Amino acid sequence: LRETQALCAGSDTDLGRRIDRLIALHRE
């Protein structure tokens, strides 16, 4: 998740939002 966030977060706002939500759900 962290690696994907580092690679993909800046590429598209929708993808960034999706990865942020996945990280939050994983943390919960």
PDB file of all heavy atoms in Angstrom:
ATOM      1  N   LEU A   1       0.827  -1.200   0.000  1.00  0.00           N
ATOM      2  CA  LEU A   1       0.000   0.000   0.000  1.00  0.00           C
ATOM      3  C   LEU A   1       0.867   1.258   0.000  1.00  0.00           C
ATOM      4  O   LEU A   1       0.622   2.189  -0.772  1.00  0.00           O
ATOM      5  CB  LEU A   1      -0.944   0.003   1.210  1.00  0.00           C
ATOM      6  CG  LEU A   1      -2.140  -0.934   1.123  1.00  0.00           C
ATOM      7  CD1 LEU A   1      -2.777  -1.118   2.488  1.00  0.00           C
ATOM      8  CD2 LEU A   1      -3.155  -0.410   0.125  1.00  0.00           C
ATOM      9  N   ARG A   2       1.878   1.290   0.853  1.00  0.00           N
ATOM     10  CA  ARG A   2       2.765   2.463   0.907  1.00  0.00           C
ATOM     11  C   ARG A   2       3.534   2.634  -0.406  1.00  0.00           C
ATOM     12  O   ARG A   2       3.679   3.753  -0.908  1.00  0.00           O
ATOM     13  CB  ARG A   2       3.737   2.333   2.081  1.00  0.00           C
ATOM     14  CG  ARG A   2       3.106   2.651   3.418  1.00  0.00           C
ATOM     15  CD  ARG A   2       4.159   2.817   4.505  1.00  0.00           C
ATOM     16  NE  ARG A   2       5.009   1.647   4.660  1.00  0.00           N
ATOM     17  CZ  ARG A   2       4.738   0.615   5.447  1.00  0.00           C
ATOM     18  NH1 ARG A   2       3.615   0.596   6.143  1.00  0.00           N
ATOM     19  NH2 ARG A   2       5.575  -0.395   5.542  1.00  0.00           N
ATOM     20  N   GLU A   3       4.014   1.524  -0.963  1.00  0.00           N
ATOM     21  CA  GLU A   3       4.749   1.584  -2.224  1.00  0.00           C
ATOM     22  C   GLU A   3       3.852   2.085  -3.348  1.00  0.00           C
ATOM     23  O   GLU A   3       4.255   2.926  -4.156  1.00  0.00           O
ATOM     24  CB  GLU A   3       5.292   0.203  -2.558  1.00  0.00           C
ATOM     25  CG  GLU A   3       6.119   0.149  -3.808  1.00  0.00           C
ATOM     26  CD  GLU A   3       6.573  -1.271  -4.102  1.00  0.00           C
ATOM     27  OE1 GLU A   3       7.632  -1.660  -3.597  1.00  0.00           O
ATOM     28  OE2 GLU A   3       5.848  -1.983  -4.826  1.00  0.00           O
ATOM     29  N   THR A   4       2.630   1.580  -3.384  1.00  0.00           N
ATOM     30  CA  THR A   4       1.683   2.010  -4.411  1.00  0.00           C
ATOM     31  C   THR A   4       1.333   3.474  -4.241  1.00  0.00           C
ATOM     32  O   THR A   4       1.223   4.217  -5.220  1.00  0.00           O
ATOM     33  CB  THR A   4       0.417   1.137  -4.374  1.00  0.00           C
ATOM     34  OG1 THR A   4       0.793  -0.219  -4.580  1.00  0.00           O
ATOM     35  CG2 THR A   4      -0.577   1.560  -5.440  1.00  0.00           C
ATOM     36  N   GLN A   5       1.173   3.901  -2.996  1.00  0.00           N
ATOM     37  CA  GLN A   5       0.888   5.316  -2.763  1.00  0.00           C
ATOM     38  C   GLN A   5       2.032   6.187  -3.269  1.00  0.00           C
ATOM     39  O   GLN A   5       1.800   7.209  -3.921  1.00  0.00           O
ATOM     40  CB  GLN A   5       0.649   5.572  -1.276  1.00  0.00           C
ATOM     41  CG  GLN A   5       0.264   7.011  -0.976  1.00  0.00           C
ATOM     42  CD  GLN A   5       0.043   7.246   0.486  1.00  0.00           C
ATOM     43  OE1 GLN A   5       0.734   6.685   1.325  1.00  0.00           O
ATOM     44  NE2 GLN A   5      -0.928   8.071   0.810  1.00  0.00           N
ATOM     45  N   ALA A   6       3.257   5.771  -2.999  1.00  0.00           N
ATOM     46  CA  ALA A   6       4.411   6.549  -3.455  1.00  0.00           C
ATOM     47  C   ALA A   6       4.491   6.594  -4.978  1.00  0.00           C
ATOM     48  O   ALA A   6       4.854   7.617  -5.553  1.00  0.00           O
ATOM     49  CB  ALA A   6       5.696   5.953  -2.876  1.00  0.00           C
ATOM     50  N   LEU A   7       4.126   5.502  -5.626  1.00  0.00           N
ATOM     51  CA  LEU A   7       4.231   5.435  -7.086  1.00  0.00           C
ATOM     52  C   LEU A   7       3.049   6.088  -7.805  1.00  0.00           C
ATOM     53  O   LEU A   7       3.212   6.632  -8.887  1.00  0.00           O
ATOM     54  CB  LEU A   7       4.328   3.978  -7.537  1.00  0.00           C
ATOM     55  CG  LEU A   7       5.630   3.264  -7.204  1.00  0.00           C
ATOM     56  CD1 LEU A   7       5.481   1.772  -7.466  1.00  0.00           C
ATOM     57  CD2 LEU A   7       6.767   3.830  -8.021  1.00  0.00           C
ATOM     58  N   CYS A   8       1.860   6.009  -7.205  1.00  0.00           N
ATOM     59  CA  CYS A   8       0.649   6.344  -7.957  1.00  0.00           C
ATOM     60  C   CYS A   8      -0.134   7.551  -7.446  1.00  0.00           C
ATOM     61  O   CYS A   8      -1.031   8.025  -8.137  1.00  0.00           O
ATOM     62  CB  CYS A   8      -0.287   5.138  -7.962  1.00  0.00           C
ATOM     63  SG  CYS A   8       0.418   3.668  -8.720  1.00  0.00           S
ATOM     64  N   ALA A   9       0.139   8.023  -6.262  1.00  0.00           N
ATOM     65  CA  ALA A   9      -0.703   9.072  -5.674  1.00  0.00           C
ATOM     66  C   ALA A   9      -0.732  10.341  -6.519  1.00  0.00           C
ATOM     67  O   ALA A   9      -1.768  10.984  -6.637  1.00  0.00           O
ATOM     68  CB  ALA A   9      -0.242   9.393  -4.257  1.00  0.00           C
ATOM     69  N   GLY A  10       0.375  10.708  -7.127  1.00  0.00           N
ATOM     70  CA  GLY A  10       0.411  11.938  -7.904  1.00  0.00           C
ATOM     71  C   GLY A  10      -0.069  11.802  -9.332  1.00  0.00           C
ATOM     72  O   GLY A  10      -0.212  12.788 -10.038  1.00  0.00           O
ATOM     73  N   SER A  11      -0.353  10.580  -9.771  1.00  0.00           N
ATOM     74  CA  SER A  11      -0.692  10.378 -11.174  1.00  0.00           C
ATOM     75  C   SER A  11      -2.127  10.775 -11.508  1.00  0.00           C
ATOM     76  O   SER A  11      -2.399  11.234 -12.593  1.00  0.00           O
ATOM     77  CB  SER A  11      -0.447   8.924 -11.579  1.00  0.00           C
ATOM     78  OG  SER A  11      -1.303   8.064 -10.856  1.00  0.00           O
ATOM     79  N   ASP A  12      -3.043  10.610 -10.573  1.00  0.00           N
ATOM     80  CA  ASP A  12      -4.454  10.888 -10.833  1.00  0.00           C
ATOM     81  C   ASP A  12      -5.138  11.113  -9.488  1.00  0.00           C
ATOM     82  O   ASP A  12      -4.901  10.365  -8.533  1.00  0.00           O
ATOM     83  CB  ASP A  12      -5.072   9.698 -11.564  1.00  0.00           C
ATOM     84  CG  ASP A  12      -6.532   9.901 -11.951  1.00  0.00           C
ATOM     85  OD1 ASP A  12      -7.041  11.020 -11.764  1.00  0.00           O
ATOM     86  OD2 ASP A  12      -7.146   8.944 -12.441  1.00  0.00           O
ATOM     87  N   THR A  13      -6.003  12.117  -9.403  1.00  0.00           N
ATOM     88  CA  THR A  13      -6.645  12.421  -8.118  1.00  0.00           C
ATOM     89  C   THR A  13      -7.570  11.292  -7.670  1.00  0.00           C
ATOM     90  O   THR A  13      -7.655  10.996  -6.477  1.00  0.00           O
ATOM     91  CB  THR A  13      -7.436  13.737  -8.191  1.00  0.00           C
ATOM     92  OG1 THR A  13      -8.387  13.654  -9.259  1.00  0.00           O
ATOM     93  CG2 THR A  13      -6.517  14.914  -8.403  1.00  0.00           C
ATOM     94  N   ASP A  14      -8.261  10.654  -8.608  1.00  0.00           N
ATOM     95  CA  ASP A  14      -9.146   9.551  -8.246  1.00  0.00           C
ATOM     96  C   ASP A  14      -8.347   8.366  -7.708  1.00  0.00           C
ATOM     97  O   ASP A  14      -8.725   7.756  -6.711  1.00  0.00           O
ATOM     98  CB  ASP A  14      -9.987   9.106  -9.447  1.00  0.00           C
ATOM     99  CG  ASP A  14     -10.962   8.000  -9.076  1.00  0.00           C
ATOM    100  OD1 ASP A  14     -11.709   8.175  -8.084  1.00  0.00           O
ATOM    101  OD2 ASP A  14     -10.974   6.961  -9.767  1.00  0.00           O
ATOM    102  N   LEU A  15      -7.225   8.057  -8.366  1.00  0.00           N
ATOM    103  CA  LEU A  15      -6.372   6.968  -7.887  1.00  0.00           C
ATOM    104  C   LEU A  15      -5.787   7.309  -6.522  1.00  0.00           C
ATOM    105  O   LEU A  15      -5.701   6.447  -5.641  1.00  0.00           O
ATOM    106  CB  LEU A  15      -5.259   6.671  -8.886  1.00  0.00           C
ATOM    107  CG  LEU A  15      -5.690   6.082 -10.220  1.00  0.00           C
ATOM    108  CD1 LEU A  15      -4.489   5.923 -11.141  1.00  0.00           C
ATOM    109  CD2 LEU A  15      -6.384   4.745 -10.026  1.00  0.00           C
ATOM    110  N   GLY A  16      -5.394   8.555  -6.335  1.00  0.00           N
ATOM    111  CA  GLY A  16      -4.870   8.984  -5.037  1.00  0.00           C
ATOM    112  C   GLY A  16      -5.913   8.847  -3.940  1.00  0.00           C
ATOM    113  O   GLY A  16      -5.609   8.395  -2.831  1.00  0.00           O
ATOM    114  N   ARG A  17      -7.153   9.215  -4.255  1.00  0.00           N
ATOM    115  CA  ARG A  17      -8.238   9.089  -3.282  1.00  0.00           C
ATOM    116  C   ARG A  17      -8.489   7.621  -2.951  1.00  0.00           C
ATOM    117  O   ARG A  17      -8.669   7.257  -1.789  1.00  0.00           O
ATOM    118  CB  ARG A  17      -9.514   9.733  -3.839  1.00  0.00           C
ATOM    119  CG  ARG A  17     -10.711   9.668  -2.903  1.00  0.00           C
ATOM    120  CD  ARG A  17     -11.997  10.097  -3.609  1.00  0.00           C
ATOM    121  NE  ARG A  17     -12.295   9.336  -4.813  1.00  0.00           N
ATOM    122  CZ  ARG A  17     -12.774   8.088  -4.824  1.00  0.00           C
ATOM    123  NH1 ARG A  17     -12.988   7.456  -3.697  1.00  0.00           N
ATOM    124  NH2 ARG A  17     -13.037   7.464  -5.961  1.00  0.00           N
ATOM    125  N   ARG A  18      -8.470   6.767  -3.970  1.00  0.00           N
ATOM    126  CA  ARG A  18      -8.706   5.334  -3.748  1.00  0.00           C
ATOM    127  C   ARG A  18      -7.616   4.716  -2.884  1.00  0.00           C
ATOM    128  O   ARG A  18      -7.907   3.959  -1.957  1.00  0.00           O
ATOM    129  CB  ARG A  18      -8.790   4.598  -5.083  1.00  0.00           C
ATOM    130  CG  ARG A  18     -10.070   4.872  -5.849  1.00  0.00           C
ATOM    131  CD  ARG A  18     -10.098   4.171  -7.186  1.00  0.00           C
ATOM    132  NE  ARG A  18     -10.111   2.721  -7.006  1.00  0.00           N
ATOM    133  CZ  ARG A  18      -9.772   1.858  -7.956  1.00  0.00           C
ATOM    134  NH1 ARG A  18      -9.415   2.292  -9.146  1.00  0.00           N
ATOM    135  NH2 ARG A  18      -9.805   0.558  -7.725  1.00  0.00           N
ATOM    136  N   ILE A  19      -6.354   5.036  -3.156  1.00  0.00           N
ATOM    137  CA  ILE A  19      -5.274   4.449  -2.373  1.00  0.00           C
ATOM    138  C   ILE A  19      -5.297   4.974  -0.944  1.00  0.00           C
ATOM    139  O   ILE A  19      -5.046   4.221   0.012  1.00  0.00           O
ATOM    140  CB  ILE A  19      -3.897   4.656  -3.049  1.00  0.00           C
ATOM    141  CG1 ILE A  19      -2.806   3.814  -2.360  1.00  0.00           C
ATOM    142  CG2 ILE A  19      -3.464   6.097  -3.035  1.00  0.00           C
ATOM    143  CD1 ILE A  19      -2.962   2.347  -2.500  1.00  0.00           C
ATOM    144  N   ASP A  20      -5.618   6.250  -0.764  1.00  0.00           N
ATOM    145  CA  ASP A  20      -5.734   6.791   0.601  1.00  0.00           C
ATOM    146  C   ASP A  20      -6.825   6.073   1.378  1.00  0.00           C
ATOM    147  O   ASP A  20      -6.664   5.765   2.561  1.00  0.00           O
ATOM    148  CB  ASP A  20      -6.017   8.294   0.563  1.00  0.00           C
ATOM    149  CG  ASP A  20      -4.819   9.108   0.102  1.00  0.00           C
ATOM    150  OD1 ASP A  20      -3.687   8.570   0.119  1.00  0.00           O
ATOM    151  OD2 ASP A  20      -5.021  10.280  -0.275  1.00  0.00           O
ATOM    152  N   ARG A  21      -7.932   5.794   0.712  1.00  0.00           N
ATOM    153  CA  ARG A  21      -9.038   5.091   1.386  1.00  0.00           C
ATOM    154  C   ARG A  21      -8.656   3.649   1.707  1.00  0.00           C
ATOM    155  O   ARG A  21      -8.997   3.139   2.776  1.00  0.00           O
ATOM    156  CB  ARG A  21     -10.295   5.136   0.511  1.00  0.00           C
ATOM    157  CG  ARG A  21     -11.518   4.609   1.183  1.00  0.00           C
ATOM    158  CD  ARG A  21     -11.877   5.448   2.405  1.00  0.00           C
ATOM    159  NE  ARG A  21     -12.979   4.807   3.108  1.00  0.00           N
ATOM    160  CZ  ARG A  21     -13.063   4.722   4.422  1.00  0.00           C
ATOM    161  NH1 ARG A  21     -12.158   5.276   5.188  1.00  0.00           N
ATOM    162  NH2 ARG A  21     -14.074   4.106   4.972  1.00  0.00           N
ATOM    163  N   LEU A  22      -7.951   2.986   0.802  1.00  0.00           N
ATOM    164  CA  LEU A  22      -7.491   1.629   1.078  1.00  0.00           C
ATOM    165  C   LEU A  22      -6.556   1.604   2.291  1.00  0.00           C
ATOM    166  O   LEU A  22      -6.650   0.708   3.136  1.00  0.00           O
ATOM    167  CB  LEU A  22      -6.774   1.043  -0.139  1.00  0.00           C
ATOM    168  CG  LEU A  22      -7.646   0.625  -1.314  1.00  0.00           C
ATOM    169  CD1 LEU A  22      -6.775   0.206  -2.490  1.00  0.00           C
ATOM    170  CD2 LEU A  22      -8.574  -0.500  -0.926  1.00  0.00           C
ATOM    171  N   ILE A  23      -5.674   2.591   2.375  1.00  0.00           N
ATOM    172  CA  ILE A  23      -4.755   2.661   3.514  1.00  0.00           C
ATOM    173  C   ILE A  23      -5.534   2.880   4.806  1.00  0.00           C
ATOM    174  O   ILE A  23      -5.252   2.232   5.825  1.00  0.00           O
ATOM    175  CB  ILE A  23      -3.699   3.769   3.286  1.00  0.00           C
ATOM    176  CG1 ILE A  23      -2.751   3.337   2.175  1.00  0.00           C
ATOM    177  CG2 ILE A  23      -2.954   4.100   4.564  1.00  0.00           C
ATOM    178  CD1 ILE A  23      -1.820   4.427   1.692  1.00  0.00           C
ATOM    179  N   ALA A  24      -6.523   3.755   4.781  1.00  0.00           N
ATOM    180  CA  ALA A  24      -7.337   4.003   5.979  1.00  0.00           C
ATOM    181  C   ALA A  24      -8.103   2.746   6.392  1.00  0.00           C
ATOM    182  O   ALA A  24      -8.162   2.401   7.582  1.00  0.00           O
ATOM    183  CB  ALA A  24      -8.299   5.163   5.728  1.00  0.00           C
ATOM    184  N   LEU A  25      -8.685   2.055   5.428  1.00  0.00           N
ATOM    185  CA  LEU A  25      -9.420   0.823   5.744  1.00  0.00           C
ATOM    186  C   LEU A  25      -8.494  -0.260   6.288  1.00  0.00           C
ATOM    187  O   LEU A  25      -8.858  -0.994   7.216  1.00  0.00           O
ATOM    188  CB  LEU A  25     -10.164   0.316   4.509  1.00  0.00           C
ATOM    189  CG  LEU A  25     -11.374   1.140   4.087  1.00  0.00           C
ATOM    190  CD1 LEU A  25     -11.864   0.709   2.718  1.00  0.00           C
ATOM    191  CD2 LEU A  25     -12.475   1.034   5.115  1.00  0.00           C
ATOM    192  N   HIS A  26      -7.290  -0.358   5.733  1.00  0.00           N
ATOM    193  CA  HIS A  26      -6.322  -1.335   6.233  1.00  0.00           C
ATOM    194  C   HIS A  26      -5.925  -1.003   7.669  1.00  0.00           C
ATOM    195  O   HIS A  26      -5.819  -1.889   8.524  1.00  0.00           O
ATOM    196  CB  HIS A  26      -5.092  -1.379   5.329  1.00  0.00           C
ATOM    197  CG  HIS A  26      -4.094  -2.394   5.748  1.00  0.00           C
ATOM    198  ND1 HIS A  26      -2.956  -2.054   6.420  1.00  0.00           N
ATOM    199  CD2 HIS A  26      -4.078  -3.744   5.617  1.00  0.00           C
ATOM    200  CE1 HIS A  26      -2.266  -3.149   6.685  1.00  0.00           C
ATOM    201  NE2 HIS A  26      -2.916  -4.182   6.207  1.00  0.00           N
ATOM    202  N   ARG A  27      -5.707   0.265   7.957  1.00  0.00           N
ATOM    203  CA  ARG A  27      -5.352   0.697   9.316  1.00  0.00           C
ATOM    204  C   ARG A  27      -6.484   0.373  10.288  1.00  0.00           C
ATOM    205  O   ARG A  27      -6.236  -0.145  11.386  1.00  0.00           O
ATOM    206  CB  ARG A  27      -5.057   2.196   9.303  1.00  0.00           C
ATOM    207  CG  ARG A  27      -4.446   2.703  10.588  1.00  0.00           C
ATOM    208  CD  ARG A  27      -4.100   4.184  10.510  1.00  0.00           C
ATOM    209  NE  ARG A  27      -3.299   4.508   9.344  1.00  0.00           N
ATOM    210  CZ  ARG A  27      -3.674   5.362   8.391  1.00  0.00           C
ATOM    211  NH1 ARG A  27      -4.832   5.975   8.445  1.00  0.00           N
ATOM    212  NH2 ARG A  27      -2.882   5.608   7.372  1.00  0.00           N
ATOM    213  N   GLU A  28      -7.729   0.657   9.894  1.00  0.00           N
ATOM    214  CA  GLU A  28      -8.882   0.336  10.745  1.00  0.00           C
ATOM    215  C   GLU A  28      -9.002  -1.171  10.959  1.00  0.00           C
ATOM    216  O   GLU A  28      -9.306  -1.623  12.072  1.00  0.00           O
ATOM    217  CB  GLU A  28     -10.168   0.875  10.114  1.00  0.00           C
ATOM    218  CG  GLU A  28     -10.263   2.380  10.103  1.00  0.00           C
ATOM    219  CD  GLU A  28     -11.412   2.894   9.257  1.00  0.00           C
ATOM    220  OE1 GLU A  28     -12.289   2.088   8.851  1.00  0.00           O
ATOM    221  OE2 GLU A  28     -11.429   4.101   8.970  1.00  0.00           O
TER     222      GLU A  28
END
